[in-house]
């Protein structure tokens, strides 16, 4: 018998050859789940778990939750189990999930484009005080995260959030997660185009839509018409970046395939210009490609960035136009490099209507419910009732009359919310860390706050823009690879030979139109206790060796290893 695709064994009788299953791409006809995550998603849509929370789990308690719901589908409604207290970082990778997790949840509140009313902010703060032991952290996705949430309280929290137009729908999971937008959309004097209406339309049409509730992995979106490039468009799955077309006027430049974690890749331009009205349709096309062609066999290769890397931008654009849009997109220009190096909108800035917006810096995004309600009261007293969160773990009060600016600044500063922060307060971000995260190896939030204080004391005259991003594990939730100084949490050996909390150091990362991943110097690791000494030493070396106007990232890229050690 001749060999054939139907009878491969005829050609190789000594070896059993199974049918090639590809990468689990639906577009190639591979619908059989190839791992446990794909199986539980096929068994039941994650969106359906809400009914079980409301009718069963909230009434019978934590122990009644099905394991596939507990460690899977609950994420479709913004819920992860949090880390059990007292488990050190050395046990993170060896314990089973049920040993690591506590009977409490992290809950993520979805905030599209970071835009909030003071009523919404007050409700977020009240929920934190009532149900989350006061916790309420601002994330670098412009969301709010609670901790210490009990499953019994989840329906009541949903009810309170939804009463003011907020939700946790698809805030986590293999879904179109929270979408970034310029926090000063519609008000900034230098704005190219306001993308907030397009973001709202994407959320209205597609969030909670079962057509997009089973993606290969998470899908991150950014839309901004700010010339400051203020939504980290380089590291999102899809980004729409404001540009002016020489013939068609303001619109958006389309980027795809960005993402960090353990295999970081910057997004690529497709060279396509998208008018504002077409953004939702083009977004649907991009996410549909991901759903249909994305790799589902291995979780660590399931992000869109891997497909884009294999296809290249030309093929991706062709498939988008030919198979999903049914039309050509106009070619368009790239965005321009911003002159300003900070992209967080901190400080006092004039709006296009003559009023002002005031951006302020909490400590590494850490807030609490009481503080949020105080910010809401200040914003109501001084503005129009609008605030926003930023992609840098900061906040902004909008629409402040000129004669109320000083009073607002004084009120914020009295709460330790700095409108004129040091570079260290302004530029330091931190992920959740070992306090609550089951993946973390080291502490981050408290370490970041202490580091700010130490550097302000040791280097009071340092005035250069500088980003210090602290992550509790290799997954880069705090963008360690794109910071001037990126710190990846791990166990390191101290001078006495003990295993202690510490960080692998990445130096010279940057976002912008000339993005770069930070440089790793061989063997460069510091303990948590040594961190202030190390950063002080490196920054003093930078100040001594830098050329006129040279950025830290540029210096770090050219400096020898000894200077960075």
Protein backbone atom coordinates (compact mmCIF):
# COMPACT_ATOMS: atom_id res chain seq x y z
CA UNK A 1 0.00 0.00 0.00
CA UNK A 2 1.38 3.42 -0.94
CA UNK A 3 1.91 6.02 1.72
CA UNK A 4 -0.72 8.75 1.90
CA UNK A 5 -1.97 11.40 4.30
CA UNK A 6 -4.70 8.94 5.26
CA UNK A 7 -2.21 6.13 5.90
CA UNK A 8 1.10 7.57 7.16
CA UNK A 9 1.97 4.32 8.95
CA UNK A 10 2.46 2.57 5.61
CA UNK A 11 5.61 4.61 5.04
CA UNK A 12 6.97 4.29 8.61
CA UNK A 13 5.72 0.98 10.02
CA UNK A 14 7.98 1.12 13.10
CA UNK A 15 6.72 4.47 14.44
CA UNK A 16 3.20 5.58 15.18
CA UNK A 17 2.56 8.96 13.62
CA UNK A 18 -0.36 10.98 14.91
CA UNK A 19 -2.30 13.48 12.83
CA UNK A 20 -0.59 16.89 12.92
CA UNK A 21 -2.67 19.23 15.02
CA UNK A 22 -0.88 22.45 14.13
CA UNK A 23 -0.98 25.26 16.64
CA UNK A 24 -4.63 24.78 17.46
CA UNK A 25 -5.72 27.50 15.04
CA UNK A 26 -9.45 27.51 14.45
CA UNK A 27 -9.00 28.92 10.94
CA UNK A 28 -7.04 25.76 10.07
CA UNK A 29 -9.85 23.54 11.35
CA UNK A 30 -8.16 22.63 14.63
CA UNK A 31 -11.01 22.83 17.11
CA UNK A 32 -10.01 20.02 19.46
CA UNK A 33 -8.71 21.55 22.70
CA UNK A 34 -4.97 20.98 23.12
CA UNK A 35 -4.63 22.00 26.77
CA UNK A 36 -6.71 22.31 29.91
CA UNK A 37 -7.49 25.99 29.42
CA UNK A 38 -8.87 25.41 25.95
CA UNK A 39 -10.90 22.50 27.27
CA UNK A 40 -12.66 24.42 30.05
CA UNK A 41 -13.38 27.27 27.64
CA UNK A 42 -14.94 24.84 25.21
CA UNK A 43 -16.94 23.18 27.99
CA UNK A 44 -18.59 26.44 29.02
CA UNK A 45 -18.18 30.11 28.11
CA UNK A 46 -16.54 32.06 30.90
CA UNK A 47 -19.29 34.67 30.69
CA UNK A 48 -21.75 32.07 31.99
CA UNK A 49 -20.06 31.79 35.38
CA UNK A 50 -21.80 34.92 36.62
CA UNK A 51 -25.05 33.04 37.03
CA UNK A 52 -23.35 30.43 39.19
CA UNK A 53 -21.75 33.15 41.34
CA UNK A 54 -25.12 34.79 41.91
CA UNK A 55 -27.17 31.63 42.47
CA UNK A 56 -24.75 29.12 43.99
CA UNK A 57 -21.27 30.27 45.03
CA UNK A 58 -22.25 33.49 46.82
CA UNK A 59 -24.80 31.51 48.84
CA UNK A 60 -22.80 28.34 49.55
CA UNK A 61 -19.38 29.92 49.93
CA UNK A 62 -15.84 29.43 48.62
CA UNK A 63 -15.75 25.64 48.99
CA UNK A 64 -18.69 25.25 46.60
CA UNK A 65 -16.80 26.75 43.63
CA UNK A 66 -15.99 24.34 40.80
CA UNK A 67 -12.18 24.23 40.24
CA UNK A 68 -12.51 25.20 36.56
CA UNK A 69 -14.55 28.20 37.60
CA UNK A 70 -12.28 29.05 40.53
CA UNK A 71 -9.01 29.07 38.58
CA UNK A 72 -10.46 29.78 35.16
CA UNK A 73 -13.86 31.20 34.32
CA UNK A 74 -14.12 33.61 37.29
CA UNK A 75 -11.45 35.66 35.51
CA UNK A 76 -14.02 36.51 32.85
CA UNK A 77 -15.64 38.60 35.59
CA UNK A 78 -12.44 40.15 36.94
CA UNK A 79 -11.75 37.71 39.77
CA UNK A 80 -8.51 35.92 40.69
CA UNK A 81 -7.86 34.11 43.95
CA UNK A 82 -5.19 35.98 45.89
CA UNK A 83 -2.09 34.63 47.57
CA UNK A 84 -2.42 33.05 50.99
CA UNK A 85 -0.51 35.16 53.56
CA UNK A 86 2.78 33.86 54.88
CA UNK A 87 3.96 31.90 51.82
CA UNK A 88 7.48 33.04 50.96
CA UNK A 89 8.73 33.63 47.43
CA UNK A 90 10.83 30.49 47.36
CA UNK A 91 7.66 28.39 47.39
CA UNK A 92 5.86 30.22 44.59
CA UNK A 93 6.88 27.83 41.85
CA UNK A 94 6.61 24.57 43.79
CA UNK A 95 3.22 24.68 45.52
CA UNK A 96 -0.01 23.56 43.89
CA UNK A 97 -2.64 26.24 43.19
CA UNK A 98 -4.84 25.13 46.07
CA UNK A 99 -1.85 25.49 48.43
CA UNK A 100 -0.98 28.99 47.21
CA UNK A 101 -4.42 30.52 47.06
CA UNK A 102 -6.43 32.11 49.83
CA UNK A 103 -10.21 32.07 50.08
CA UNK A 104 -10.29 35.72 49.02
CA UNK A 105 -10.16 37.35 45.61
CA UNK A 106 -8.54 40.17 43.75
CA UNK A 107 -11.26 41.98 41.78
CA UNK A 108 -10.47 44.23 38.84
CA UNK A 109 -12.84 47.07 37.95
CA UNK A 110 -12.89 47.85 34.25
CA UNK A 111 -12.44 51.59 33.47
CA UNK A 112 -12.49 52.24 29.74
CA UNK A 113 -9.91 54.87 28.84
CA UNK A 114 -9.46 55.68 32.53
CA UNK A 115 -12.46 58.03 32.49
CA UNK A 116 -14.53 58.32 35.67
CA UNK A 117 -17.12 60.59 37.17
CA UNK A 118 -16.69 61.63 40.77
CA UNK A 119 -19.84 59.64 41.56
CA UNK A 120 -18.18 56.53 40.14
CA UNK A 121 -14.94 57.25 42.02
CA UNK A 122 -16.84 57.69 45.26
CA UNK A 123 -18.64 54.37 44.78
CA UNK A 124 -15.32 52.65 44.03
CA UNK A 125 -13.97 54.07 47.28
CA UNK A 126 -17.04 53.07 49.29
CA UNK A 127 -16.88 49.50 47.94
CA UNK A 128 -13.22 49.33 48.95
CA UNK A 129 -14.06 50.39 52.49
CA UNK A 130 -17.04 48.04 52.79
CA UNK A 131 -15.82 44.89 51.07
CA UNK A 132 -12.05 45.10 50.36
CA UNK A 133 -10.46 46.13 53.66
CA UNK A 134 -9.87 49.55 52.13
CA UNK A 135 -7.67 48.33 49.27
CA UNK A 136 -7.88 50.06 45.87
CA UNK A 137 -4.81 50.14 43.64
CA UNK A 138 -4.54 52.01 40.33
CA UNK A 139 -3.06 49.72 37.68
CA UNK A 140 -1.00 50.59 34.62
CA UNK A 141 -4.07 49.53 32.59
CA UNK A 142 -6.06 52.44 34.09
CA UNK A 143 -8.17 50.02 36.14
CA UNK A 144 -8.78 49.73 39.88
CA UNK A 145 -7.95 46.52 41.77
CA UNK A 146 -9.47 45.42 45.05
CA UNK A 147 -8.22 42.70 47.39
CA UNK A 148 -9.76 40.67 50.21
CA UNK A 149 -13.02 40.19 48.27
CA UNK A 150 -15.26 37.37 49.51
CA UNK A 151 -17.30 35.40 46.99
CA UNK A 152 -20.36 36.02 49.17
CA UNK A 153 -20.07 39.77 48.51
CA UNK A 154 -19.48 39.69 44.76
CA UNK A 155 -23.12 40.07 43.63
CA UNK A 156 -23.58 43.12 45.86
CA UNK A 157 -20.37 44.67 44.49
CA UNK A 158 -21.52 44.07 40.91
CA UNK A 159 -24.84 45.70 41.71
CA UNK A 160 -23.20 48.80 43.15
CA UNK A 161 -20.71 49.13 40.29
CA UNK A 162 -23.29 48.63 37.57
CA UNK A 163 -25.62 51.17 39.16
CA UNK A 164 -23.06 53.85 38.22
CA UNK A 165 -22.10 52.43 34.83
CA UNK A 166 -19.03 50.38 35.81
CA UNK A 167 -18.39 46.65 35.60
CA UNK A 168 -15.85 43.87 35.95
CA UNK A 169 -16.92 42.15 32.71
CA UNK A 170 -13.92 40.60 30.94
CA UNK A 171 -11.48 42.52 33.09
CA UNK A 172 -9.35 39.33 33.11
CA UNK A 173 -9.29 36.04 31.21
CA UNK A 174 -8.80 35.23 27.53
CA UNK A 175 -10.88 38.20 26.50
CA UNK A 176 -10.66 41.80 25.23
CA UNK A 177 -9.51 43.22 28.54
CA UNK A 178 -9.65 46.81 29.78
CA UNK A 179 -8.81 49.31 27.05
CA UNK A 180 -6.40 52.20 27.40
CA UNK A 181 -7.24 55.70 26.27
CA UNK A 182 -5.72 59.13 26.69
CA UNK A 183 -6.71 60.36 30.16
CA UNK A 184 -7.05 63.88 28.75
CA UNK A 185 -9.04 62.94 25.66
CA UNK A 186 -11.26 65.77 24.51
CA UNK A 187 -9.63 68.44 26.68
CA UNK A 188 -5.90 68.63 25.90
CA UNK A 189 -4.80 71.70 23.93
CA UNK A 190 -2.36 69.70 21.82
CA UNK A 191 -4.69 66.79 21.04
CA UNK A 192 -4.62 65.45 17.47
CA UNK A 193 -7.96 63.65 17.70
CA UNK A 194 -10.30 62.55 20.50
CA UNK A 195 -10.48 58.75 20.53
CA UNK A 196 -12.88 58.36 23.45
CA UNK A 197 -16.00 57.91 21.31
CA UNK A 198 -14.32 55.10 19.38
CA UNK A 199 -13.30 53.40 22.65
CA UNK A 200 -16.83 53.69 24.01
CA UNK A 201 -18.25 52.19 20.83
CA UNK A 202 -15.86 49.23 20.97
CA UNK A 203 -16.92 48.59 24.56
CA UNK A 204 -20.61 48.96 23.71
CA UNK A 205 -20.49 46.59 20.75
CA UNK A 206 -18.06 43.90 21.83
CA UNK A 207 -17.45 43.63 25.57
CA UNK A 208 -19.50 40.71 26.83
CA UNK A 209 -20.09 39.47 23.26
CA UNK A 210 -19.68 35.65 23.14
CA UNK A 211 -18.06 35.96 19.71
CA UNK A 212 -14.96 37.31 21.44
CA UNK A 213 -15.12 35.67 24.86
CA UNK A 214 -12.89 32.73 23.89
CA UNK A 215 -9.62 34.11 22.58
CA UNK A 216 -6.30 32.23 22.60
CA UNK A 217 -5.06 34.55 25.37
CA UNK A 218 -5.69 38.05 26.67
CA UNK A 219 -6.10 40.89 24.18
CA UNK A 220 -5.04 44.44 25.07
CA UNK A 221 -6.26 47.58 23.32
CA UNK A 222 -5.12 51.21 23.27
CA UNK A 223 -6.60 54.26 21.52
CA UNK A 224 -5.15 57.73 21.90
CA UNK A 225 -5.01 60.92 19.89
CA UNK A 226 -2.47 62.56 22.19
CA UNK A 227 0.88 63.59 20.65
CA UNK A 228 2.49 62.47 23.92
CA UNK A 229 1.79 58.82 22.96
CA UNK A 230 0.35 58.34 26.43
CA UNK A 231 -1.06 54.79 26.27
CA UNK A 232 2.07 52.66 25.76
CA UNK A 233 0.84 51.78 22.28
CA UNK A 234 4.05 49.87 21.57
CA UNK A 235 3.13 47.01 23.93
CA UNK A 236 -0.56 46.47 23.22
CA UNK A 237 -2.07 43.81 20.97
CA UNK A 238 -3.77 46.53 18.95
CA UNK A 239 -3.25 50.28 19.15
CA UNK A 240 -4.73 53.23 17.32
CA UNK A 241 -2.33 56.20 17.48
CA UNK A 242 -3.41 59.71 16.52
CA UNK A 243 -1.91 61.11 13.31
CA UNK A 244 -2.82 63.68 10.67
CA UNK A 245 -3.14 62.30 7.15
CA UNK A 246 -1.99 64.78 4.50
CA UNK A 247 -5.20 64.27 2.50
CA UNK A 248 -7.80 62.97 4.94
CA UNK A 249 -6.97 64.88 8.11
CA UNK A 250 -6.85 63.55 11.70
CA UNK A 251 -7.23 59.82 12.22
CA UNK A 252 -5.28 56.87 13.61
CA UNK A 253 -2.18 54.91 12.71
CA UNK A 254 -2.73 51.15 13.23
CA UNK A 255 -0.29 49.03 15.28
CA UNK A 256 -0.53 45.33 16.18
CA UNK A 257 1.36 42.63 18.04
CA UNK A 258 2.90 44.29 21.09
CA UNK A 259 3.32 42.58 24.44
CA UNK A 260 5.87 42.00 27.21
CA UNK A 261 5.97 39.10 29.72
CA UNK A 262 8.84 36.62 29.28
CA UNK A 263 9.00 37.04 25.47
CA UNK A 264 8.71 40.79 24.92
CA UNK A 265 7.94 42.21 21.49
CA UNK A 266 7.10 45.70 20.35
CA UNK A 267 4.06 46.22 18.18
CA UNK A 268 4.50 46.91 14.48
CA UNK A 269 2.91 49.49 12.23
CA UNK A 270 0.70 48.18 9.46
CA UNK A 271 1.10 51.47 7.59
CA UNK A 272 -2.66 51.90 7.54
CA UNK A 273 -4.60 55.07 8.37
CA UNK A 274 -8.00 54.58 10.07
CA UNK A 275 -10.64 57.31 10.36
CA UNK A 276 -12.31 57.62 13.75
CA UNK A 277 -15.63 56.19 12.53
CA UNK A 278 -13.91 53.01 11.30
CA UNK A 279 -11.94 52.24 14.46
CA UNK A 280 -14.51 49.80 15.94
CA UNK A 281 -14.80 47.86 12.67
CA UNK A 282 -11.02 47.63 12.25
CA UNK A 283 -10.66 46.61 15.89
CA UNK A 284 -13.18 43.84 15.27
CA UNK A 285 -11.13 42.68 12.29
CA UNK A 286 -7.90 42.52 14.27
CA UNK A 287 -9.40 40.66 17.22
CA UNK A 288 -11.16 38.27 14.84
CA UNK A 289 -7.81 37.40 13.24
CA UNK A 290 -6.48 36.67 16.71
CA UNK A 291 -9.48 34.51 17.57
CA UNK A 292 -9.34 32.52 14.33
CA UNK A 293 -5.61 32.33 13.57
CA UNK A 294 -4.08 32.70 17.03
CA UNK A 295 -2.06 29.83 18.46
CA UNK A 296 -3.97 27.77 21.02
CA UNK A 297 -1.66 24.77 21.51
CA UNK A 298 0.85 26.31 23.95
CA UNK A 299 -0.20 29.03 26.39
CA UNK A 300 3.23 30.64 26.28
CA UNK A 301 2.89 31.16 22.51
CA UNK A 302 -0.75 32.15 22.41
CA UNK A 303 -0.49 35.95 22.40
CA UNK A 304 -1.07 37.84 19.15
CA UNK A 305 2.58 38.97 19.10
CA UNK A 306 3.70 35.48 18.06
CA UNK A 307 1.33 35.35 15.10
CA UNK A 308 2.39 38.83 13.99
CA UNK A 309 6.06 37.85 14.27
CA UNK A 310 5.48 34.78 12.10
CA UNK A 311 3.32 36.52 9.51
CA UNK A 312 4.92 39.94 9.36
CA UNK A 313 2.99 43.22 9.02
CA UNK A 314 2.40 42.89 5.26
CA UNK A 315 0.62 39.54 5.50
CA UNK A 316 -1.31 40.62 8.59
CA UNK A 317 -2.61 43.71 6.82
CA UNK A 318 -3.50 41.68 3.73
CA UNK A 319 -5.50 39.13 5.73
CA UNK A 320 -7.22 41.93 7.66
CA UNK A 321 -8.24 43.72 4.46
CA UNK A 322 -9.07 40.73 2.27
CA UNK A 323 -10.69 38.32 4.73
CA UNK A 324 -12.20 40.51 7.45
CA UNK A 325 -12.83 44.04 6.18
CA UNK A 326 -13.42 43.30 2.51
CA UNK A 327 -11.74 46.54 1.50
CA UNK A 328 -8.41 48.31 1.45
CA UNK A 329 -7.31 50.67 4.17
CA UNK A 330 -5.66 53.94 3.23
CA UNK A 331 -1.92 54.17 3.62
CA UNK A 332 -0.93 56.70 6.23
CA UNK A 333 1.93 58.43 8.06
CA UNK A 334 3.65 57.36 11.25
CA UNK A 335 3.16 59.42 14.41
CA UNK A 336 5.79 61.99 15.29
CA UNK A 337 8.23 61.70 18.16
CA UNK A 338 6.93 63.74 21.12
CA UNK A 339 9.16 66.50 22.39
CA UNK A 340 8.14 65.86 26.01
CA UNK A 341 9.67 62.86 27.72
CA UNK A 342 7.06 62.39 30.45
CA UNK A 343 3.81 60.90 29.13
CA UNK A 344 1.80 60.90 32.37
CA UNK A 345 0.17 64.39 32.33
CA UNK A 346 1.38 65.16 35.86
CA UNK A 347 1.18 68.81 36.92
CA UNK A 348 -1.11 71.71 35.97
CA UNK A 349 -2.02 72.00 32.29
CA UNK A 350 -4.30 74.34 30.38
CA UNK A 351 -7.21 72.75 28.53
CA UNK A 352 -8.47 73.79 25.11
CA UNK A 353 -11.52 75.41 26.77
CA UNK A 354 -9.40 77.64 29.04
CA UNK A 355 -9.86 75.55 32.16
CA UNK A 356 -7.10 73.32 33.56
CA UNK A 357 -6.44 69.69 34.34
CA UNK A 358 -4.29 68.70 37.32
CA UNK A 359 -2.38 65.43 37.35
CA UNK A 360 -1.02 63.97 40.58
CA UNK A 361 1.13 61.04 41.68
CA UNK A 362 0.16 58.57 44.38
CA UNK A 363 2.86 56.19 45.59
CA UNK A 364 3.26 53.37 43.03
CA UNK A 365 -0.48 53.42 42.34
CA UNK A 366 -1.38 52.48 45.90
CA UNK A 367 -4.54 54.17 47.10
CA UNK A 368 -7.29 53.19 49.52
CA UNK A 369 -11.02 53.64 49.63
CA UNK A 370 -10.97 56.57 52.02
CA UNK A 371 -8.41 58.40 49.90
CA UNK A 372 -10.45 57.86 46.72
CA UNK A 373 -13.55 59.32 48.31
CA UNK A 374 -11.51 62.36 49.42
CA UNK A 375 -10.22 62.81 45.87
CA UNK A 376 -13.80 62.57 44.61
CA UNK A 377 -14.85 65.32 47.03
CA UNK A 378 -11.94 67.56 45.98
CA UNK A 379 -12.70 67.02 42.31
CA UNK A 380 -16.38 67.84 42.81
CA UNK A 381 -15.52 71.01 44.69
CA UNK A 382 -12.94 72.19 42.16
CA UNK A 383 -13.94 70.76 38.78
CA UNK A 384 -16.87 69.50 36.77
CA UNK A 385 -17.08 66.06 38.35
CA UNK A 386 -14.65 64.29 36.01
CA UNK A 387 -11.41 62.47 36.86
CA UNK A 388 -9.24 59.96 35.05
CA UNK A 389 -6.60 57.36 35.71
CA UNK A 390 -3.44 57.06 33.62
CA UNK A 391 -1.39 54.23 32.17
CA UNK A 392 1.38 55.21 34.62
CA UNK A 393 -0.63 54.50 37.82
CA UNK A 394 -1.46 58.19 38.25
CA UNK A 395 -4.68 60.27 38.38
CA UNK A 396 -5.98 63.53 36.91
CA UNK A 397 -8.71 65.99 37.92
CA UNK A 398 -10.27 67.62 34.86
CA UNK A 399 -12.05 70.91 34.12
CA UNK A 400 -10.66 73.07 36.92
CA UNK A 401 -11.24 76.85 36.65
CA UNK A 402 -8.06 78.88 36.90
CA UNK A 403 -9.04 80.46 40.18
CA UNK A 404 -9.53 77.01 41.76
CA UNK A 405 -6.24 75.42 40.69
CA UNK A 406 -4.15 76.49 43.69
CA UNK A 407 -6.79 75.35 46.15
CA UNK A 408 -6.99 71.94 44.46
CA UNK A 409 -3.21 71.55 44.42
CA UNK A 410 -3.06 72.37 48.13
CA UNK A 411 -5.80 69.86 48.87
CA UNK A 412 -4.09 67.08 46.93
CA UNK A 413 -0.67 67.76 48.43
CA UNK A 414 -2.21 67.61 51.91
CA UNK A 415 -3.23 64.03 51.08
CA UNK A 416 0.34 63.16 49.96
CA UNK A 417 -0.82 63.18 46.35
CA UNK A 418 1.97 65.10 44.64
CA UNK A 419 1.22 67.51 41.80
CA UNK A 420 4.89 68.48 41.66
CA UNK A 421 6.54 65.17 42.48
CA UNK A 422 10.21 64.28 42.45
CA UNK A 423 11.35 62.22 39.44
CA UNK A 424 11.40 59.22 41.76
CA UNK A 425 7.78 59.61 42.91
CA UNK A 426 6.70 60.45 39.37
CA UNK A 427 8.57 57.68 37.60
CA UNK A 428 8.28 54.65 39.90
CA UNK A 429 5.69 51.96 39.20
CA UNK A 430 5.14 48.61 40.89
CA UNK A 431 2.97 45.57 40.28
CA UNK A 432 0.90 43.89 43.02
CA UNK A 433 3.77 41.74 44.26
CA UNK A 434 3.93 38.96 46.81
CA UNK A 435 1.46 40.64 49.15
CA UNK A 436 -1.44 39.35 47.05
CA UNK A 437 -0.19 37.78 43.79
CA UNK A 438 0.20 33.98 43.53
CA UNK A 439 2.90 34.34 40.85
CA UNK A 440 5.10 36.79 42.73
CA UNK A 441 8.45 35.99 44.32
CA UNK A 442 9.18 39.31 46.08
CA UNK A 443 7.42 42.30 47.60
CA UNK A 444 6.95 45.34 45.36
CA UNK A 445 4.55 48.05 46.55
CA UNK A 446 6.13 48.72 49.95
CA UNK A 447 9.61 48.33 48.47
CA UNK A 448 8.75 50.92 45.81
CA UNK A 449 7.38 53.38 48.34
CA UNK A 450 10.45 53.03 50.57
CA UNK A 451 12.73 53.40 47.55
CA UNK A 452 11.09 56.70 46.60
CA UNK A 453 11.72 58.10 50.07
CA UNK A 454 15.33 56.92 50.12
CA UNK A 455 16.18 58.33 46.70
CA UNK A 456 14.51 61.66 47.47
CA UNK A 457 16.64 61.88 50.61
CA UNK A 458 19.90 60.80 48.98
CA UNK A 459 19.53 62.60 45.62
CA UNK A 460 17.41 65.69 46.31
CA UNK A 461 18.77 67.59 43.29
CA UNK A 462 18.31 64.84 40.70
CA UNK A 463 15.98 66.35 38.11
CA UNK A 464 16.08 64.10 35.05
CA UNK A 465 13.03 62.13 33.87
CA UNK A 466 13.56 58.57 35.10
CA UNK A 467 11.38 55.47 35.23
CA UNK A 468 11.89 52.75 37.81
CA UNK A 469 9.56 49.78 37.32
CA UNK A 470 9.38 47.04 39.96
CA UNK A 471 7.95 43.61 39.20
CA UNK A 472 7.42 40.73 41.59
CA UNK A 473 8.07 37.99 39.00
CA UNK A 474 9.19 37.60 35.35
CA UNK A 475 5.76 38.37 33.85
CA UNK A 476 6.37 42.11 33.44
CA UNK A 477 3.02 43.46 34.63
CA UNK A 478 4.94 46.61 35.59
CA UNK A 479 6.76 46.82 32.20
CA UNK A 480 10.26 46.18 33.57
CA UNK A 481 11.82 45.78 30.12
CA UNK A 482 10.77 49.27 29.01
CA UNK A 483 11.93 51.25 32.07
CA UNK A 484 15.12 53.21 32.55
CA UNK A 485 15.67 50.91 35.52
CA UNK A 486 13.60 47.73 35.43
CA UNK A 487 13.65 45.41 38.43
CA UNK A 488 12.52 41.79 37.99
CA UNK A 489 11.85 40.09 41.30
CA UNK A 490 13.66 36.86 42.08
CA UNK A 491 15.59 35.17 44.86
CA UNK A 492 19.27 36.14 44.91
CA UNK A 493 22.28 35.17 47.02
CA UNK A 494 23.48 37.77 49.52
CA UNK A 495 27.02 38.30 50.84
CA UNK A 496 26.51 35.60 53.47
CA UNK A 497 25.38 33.05 50.89
CA UNK A 498 21.71 33.15 51.89
CA UNK A 499 18.80 33.15 49.46
CA UNK A 500 16.98 36.45 49.92
CA UNK A 501 14.54 38.64 48.02
CA UNK A 502 16.12 40.65 45.24
CA UNK A 503 15.98 41.75 41.63
CA UNK A 504 17.54 41.15 38.26
CA UNK A 505 18.30 44.58 36.82
CA UNK A 506 17.33 45.79 33.33
CA UNK A 507 18.81 49.14 32.30
CA UNK A 508 18.00 51.56 29.50
CA UNK A 509 14.55 50.46 28.38
CA UNK A 510 12.32 53.00 26.67
CA UNK A 511 8.97 53.52 24.99
CA UNK A 512 8.36 56.03 22.22
CA UNK A 513 8.98 55.90 18.52
CA UNK A 514 12.50 54.65 19.26
CA UNK A 515 11.60 51.97 21.80
CA UNK A 516 14.17 49.64 23.33
CA UNK A 517 14.20 46.82 25.80
CA UNK A 518 16.44 47.27 28.81
CA UNK A 519 19.94 45.88 28.81
CA UNK A 520 20.79 43.04 31.16
CA UNK A 521 24.35 43.08 32.46
CA UNK A 522 25.63 39.58 33.10
CA UNK A 523 25.32 38.65 36.74
CA UNK A 524 23.82 42.00 37.74
CA UNK A 525 21.42 41.23 40.57
CA UNK A 526 20.81 43.13 43.77
CA UNK A 527 19.16 42.20 47.03
CA UNK A 528 16.14 44.15 48.17
CA UNK A 529 18.17 45.72 50.97
CA UNK A 530 20.92 46.80 48.56
CA UNK A 531 18.56 48.42 46.09
CA UNK A 532 18.77 52.07 47.28
CA UNK A 533 22.59 51.89 47.38
CA UNK A 534 22.74 50.40 43.90
CA UNK A 535 20.42 52.94 42.26
CA UNK A 536 22.14 55.86 44.00
CA UNK A 537 25.50 54.61 42.73
CA UNK A 538 24.31 54.18 39.13
CA UNK A 539 22.56 57.55 39.00
CA UNK A 540 25.63 59.36 40.32
CA UNK A 541 27.73 57.64 37.66
CA UNK A 542 25.18 58.72 35.04
CA UNK A 543 25.36 62.33 36.21
CA UNK A 544 29.15 62.24 36.05
CA UNK A 545 29.43 60.64 32.60
CA UNK A 546 26.41 61.87 30.64
CA UNK A 547 26.78 64.10 27.62
CA UNK A 548 24.76 67.31 27.27
CA UNK A 549 21.05 66.46 27.14
CA UNK A 550 21.69 62.72 27.17
CA UNK A 551 18.90 60.54 28.57
CA UNK A 552 19.59 57.84 31.11
CA UNK A 553 18.49 55.14 28.66
CA UNK A 554 20.96 56.37 26.03
CA UNK A 555 23.79 56.49 28.53
CA UNK A 556 22.95 53.02 29.89
CA UNK A 557 23.08 51.59 26.37
CA UNK A 558 26.64 52.82 25.81
CA UNK A 559 28.09 52.57 29.32
CA UNK A 560 30.47 49.75 30.15
CA UNK A 561 29.40 46.97 32.47
CA UNK A 562 31.52 48.28 35.34
CA UNK A 563 29.67 51.61 35.33
CA UNK A 564 26.34 49.81 35.61
CA UNK A 565 27.35 47.45 38.40
